[in-house]
Amino acid sequence: MSDFDERYPHARTKQGKPHWPPGVRSISQDGLDWIGVDDDGHLYWDGQRLAVQKITLTTGQVAIAWIGVSAAVTVAAVELLRFFGMGA
């Protein structure tokens, strides 16, 4: 049994998802009581603030994202028009 499991005996379930790395398990309902958020939206585990890092996309990644979103919006609009009988 790990130090974590000794300190928080009901925080995790017995197993995680099959595709997760070994030793990573799902959080239990009791484990959710250890998570907190302050007035500024910072995340805490057992009263200790968790480190959160922002990511920055490259120009190419932003361009690909915009293309993907534009395509999805276009397809959704065409499907709505077809649904309401206004399209081909």
C-alpha atoms as a PDB file:
ATOM      1  CA  MET A   1       0.000   0.000   0.000  1.00  0.00           C
ATOM      2  CA  SER A   2       1.350   3.419  -0.967  1.00  0.00           C
ATOM      3  CA  ASP A   3       1.697   6.442   1.329  1.00  0.00           C
ATOM      4  CA  PHE A   4      -1.134   8.039  -0.627  1.00  0.00           C
ATOM      5  CA  ASP A   5      -3.449   5.091   0.000  1.00  0.00           C
ATOM      6  CA  GLU A   6      -2.561   5.101   3.695  1.00  0.00           C
ATOM      7  CA  ARG A   7      -3.301   8.830   4.013  1.00  0.00           C
ATOM      8  CA  TYR A   8      -6.439   8.770   1.825  1.00  0.00           C
ATOM      9  CA  PRO A   9      -7.769   5.196   2.080  1.00  0.00           C
ATOM     10  CA  HIS A  10     -11.017   5.839   0.196  1.00  0.00           C
ATOM     11  CA  ALA A  11      -9.818   8.403  -2.356  1.00  0.00           C
ATOM     12  CA  ARG A  12      -9.328   5.972  -5.235  1.00  0.00           C
ATOM     13  CA  THR A  13     -11.175   3.029  -6.688  1.00  0.00           C
ATOM     14  CA  LYS A  14      -9.571  -0.385  -7.100  1.00  0.00           C
ATOM     15  CA  GLN A  15      -8.712   0.123 -10.784  1.00  0.00           C
ATOM     16  CA  GLY A  16      -8.474   2.685 -13.544  1.00  0.00           C
ATOM     17  CA  LYS A  17      -9.318   2.570 -17.220  1.00  0.00           C
ATOM     18  CA  PRO A  18      -7.609  -0.168 -19.277  1.00  0.00           C
ATOM     19  CA  HIS A  19      -5.691   2.375 -21.409  1.00  0.00           C
ATOM     20  CA  TRP A  20      -4.348   4.338 -18.391  1.00  0.00           C
ATOM     21  CA  PRO A  21      -0.732   3.878 -17.227  1.00  0.00           C
ATOM     22  CA  PRO A  22      -0.129   1.314 -14.467  1.00  0.00           C
ATOM     23  CA  GLY A  23      -0.875   2.641 -10.991  1.00  0.00           C
ATOM     24  CA  VAL A  24      -3.356   5.306 -12.183  1.00  0.00           C
ATOM     25  CA  ARG A  25      -6.838   4.674 -10.811  1.00  0.00           C
ATOM     26  CA  SER A  26     -10.185   6.456 -10.908  1.00  0.00           C
ATOM     27  CA  ILE A  27     -11.024   8.863  -8.113  1.00  0.00           C
ATOM     28  CA  SER A  28     -13.815   7.643  -5.842  1.00  0.00           C
ATOM     29  CA  GLN A  29     -16.848   9.576  -4.597  1.00  0.00           C
ATOM     30  CA  ASP A  30     -15.093   9.900  -1.228  1.00  0.00           C
ATOM     31  CA  GLY A  31     -11.988  11.148  -3.028  1.00  0.00           C
ATOM     32  CA  LEU A  32     -13.949  14.039  -4.517  1.00  0.00           C
ATOM     33  CA  ASP A  33     -14.200  15.514  -1.005  1.00  0.00           C
ATOM     34  CA  TRP A  34     -10.451  16.189  -1.134  1.00  0.00           C
ATOM     35  CA  ILE A  35     -10.796  18.511  -4.154  1.00  0.00           C
ATOM     36  CA  GLY A  36     -11.497  22.202  -3.597  1.00  0.00           C
ATOM     37  CA  VAL A  37     -11.735  25.464  -5.518  1.00  0.00           C
ATOM     38  CA  ASP A  38     -11.195  28.972  -4.116  1.00  0.00           C
ATOM     39  CA  ASP A  39     -12.970  32.219  -5.041  1.00  0.00           C
ATOM     40  CA  ASP A  40     -10.407  32.898  -7.787  1.00  0.00           C
ATOM     41  CA  GLY A  41     -10.931  29.466  -9.408  1.00  0.00           C
ATOM     42  CA  HIS A  42      -7.684  27.887  -8.216  1.00  0.00           C
ATOM     43  CA  LEU A  43      -7.804  24.108  -7.764  1.00  0.00           C
ATOM     44  CA  TYR A  44      -6.745  22.444  -4.483  1.00  0.00           C
ATOM     45  CA  TRP A  45      -6.156  18.872  -3.280  1.00  0.00           C
ATOM     46  CA  ASP A  46      -6.337  18.421   0.503  1.00  0.00           C
ATOM     47  CA  GLY A  47      -5.812  22.156   0.980  1.00  0.00           C
ATOM     48  CA  GLN A  48      -2.710  22.351  -1.236  1.00  0.00           C
ATOM     49  CA  ARG A  49      -2.931  24.378  -4.426  1.00  0.00           C
ATOM     50  CA  LEU A  50      -2.331  22.351  -7.579  1.00  0.00           C
ATOM     51  CA  ALA A  51       0.102  23.591 -10.194  1.00  0.00           C
ATOM     52  CA  VAL A  52      -1.695  24.422 -13.428  1.00  0.00           C
ATOM     53  CA  GLN A  53       0.168  25.424 -16.563  1.00  0.00           C
ATOM     54  CA  LYS A  54      -1.187  27.227 -19.581  1.00  0.00           C
ATOM     55  CA  ILE A  55      -0.279  26.011 -23.036  1.00  0.00           C
ATOM     56  CA  THR A  56       0.469  28.134 -26.056  1.00  0.00           C
ATOM     57  CA  LEU A  57      -0.371  26.945 -29.544  1.00  0.00           C
ATOM     58  CA  THR A  58       1.877  27.647 -32.488  1.00  0.00           C
ATOM     59  CA  THR A  59       0.546  29.670 -35.409  1.00  0.00           C
ATOM     60  CA  GLY A  60       0.152  26.474 -37.435  1.00  0.00           C
ATOM     61  CA  GLN A  61      -1.828  24.780 -34.664  1.00  0.00           C
ATOM     62  CA  VAL A  62      -4.134  27.800 -34.383  1.00  0.00           C
ATOM     63  CA  ALA A  63      -4.664  27.779 -38.151  1.00  0.00           C
ATOM     64  CA  ILE A  64      -5.522  24.063 -38.147  1.00  0.00           C
ATOM     65  CA  ALA A  65      -7.914  24.596 -35.231  1.00  0.00           C
ATOM     66  CA  TRP A  66      -9.699  27.410 -37.079  1.00  0.00           C
ATOM     67  CA  ILE A  67      -9.998  25.268 -40.200  1.00  0.00           C
ATOM     68  CA  GLY A  68     -11.479  22.431 -38.146  1.00  0.00           C
ATOM     69  CA  VAL A  69     -13.962  24.673 -36.353  1.00  0.00           C
ATOM     70  CA  SER A  70     -14.956  26.382 -39.604  1.00  0.00           C
ATOM     71  CA  ALA A  71     -15.549  23.013 -41.275  1.00  0.00           C
ATOM     72  CA  ALA A  72     -17.635  21.780 -38.331  1.00  0.00           C
ATOM     73  CA  VAL A  73     -19.777  24.935 -38.324  1.00  0.00           C
ATOM     74  CA  THR A  74     -20.268  24.718 -42.083  1.00  0.00           C
ATOM     75  CA  VAL A  75     -21.323  21.058 -41.926  1.00  0.00           C
ATOM     76  CA  ALA A  76     -23.701  21.803 -39.031  1.00  0.00           C
ATOM     77  CA  ALA A  77     -25.279  24.692 -40.945  1.00  0.00           C
ATOM     78  CA  VAL A  78     -25.748  22.574 -44.088  1.00  0.00           C
ATOM     79  CA  GLU A  79     -27.273  19.739 -42.046  1.00  0.00           C
ATOM     80  CA  LEU A  80     -29.695  22.163 -40.366  1.00  0.00           C
ATOM     81  CA  LEU A  81     -30.728  23.552 -43.745  1.00  0.00           C
ATOM     82  CA  ARG A  82     -31.278  20.022 -45.057  1.00  0.00           C
ATOM     83  CA  PHE A  83     -33.229  19.079 -41.914  1.00  0.00           C
ATOM     84  CA  PHE A  84     -35.617  21.980 -42.397  1.00  0.00           C
ATOM     85  CA  GLY A  85     -35.932  21.266 -46.128  1.00  0.00           C
ATOM     86  CA  MET A  86     -34.156  24.392 -47.306  1.00  0.00           C
ATOM     87  CA  GLY A  87     -31.114  22.727 -48.808  1.00  0.00           C
ATOM     88  CA  ALA A  88     -30.406  20.421 -51.695  1.00  0.00           C
END
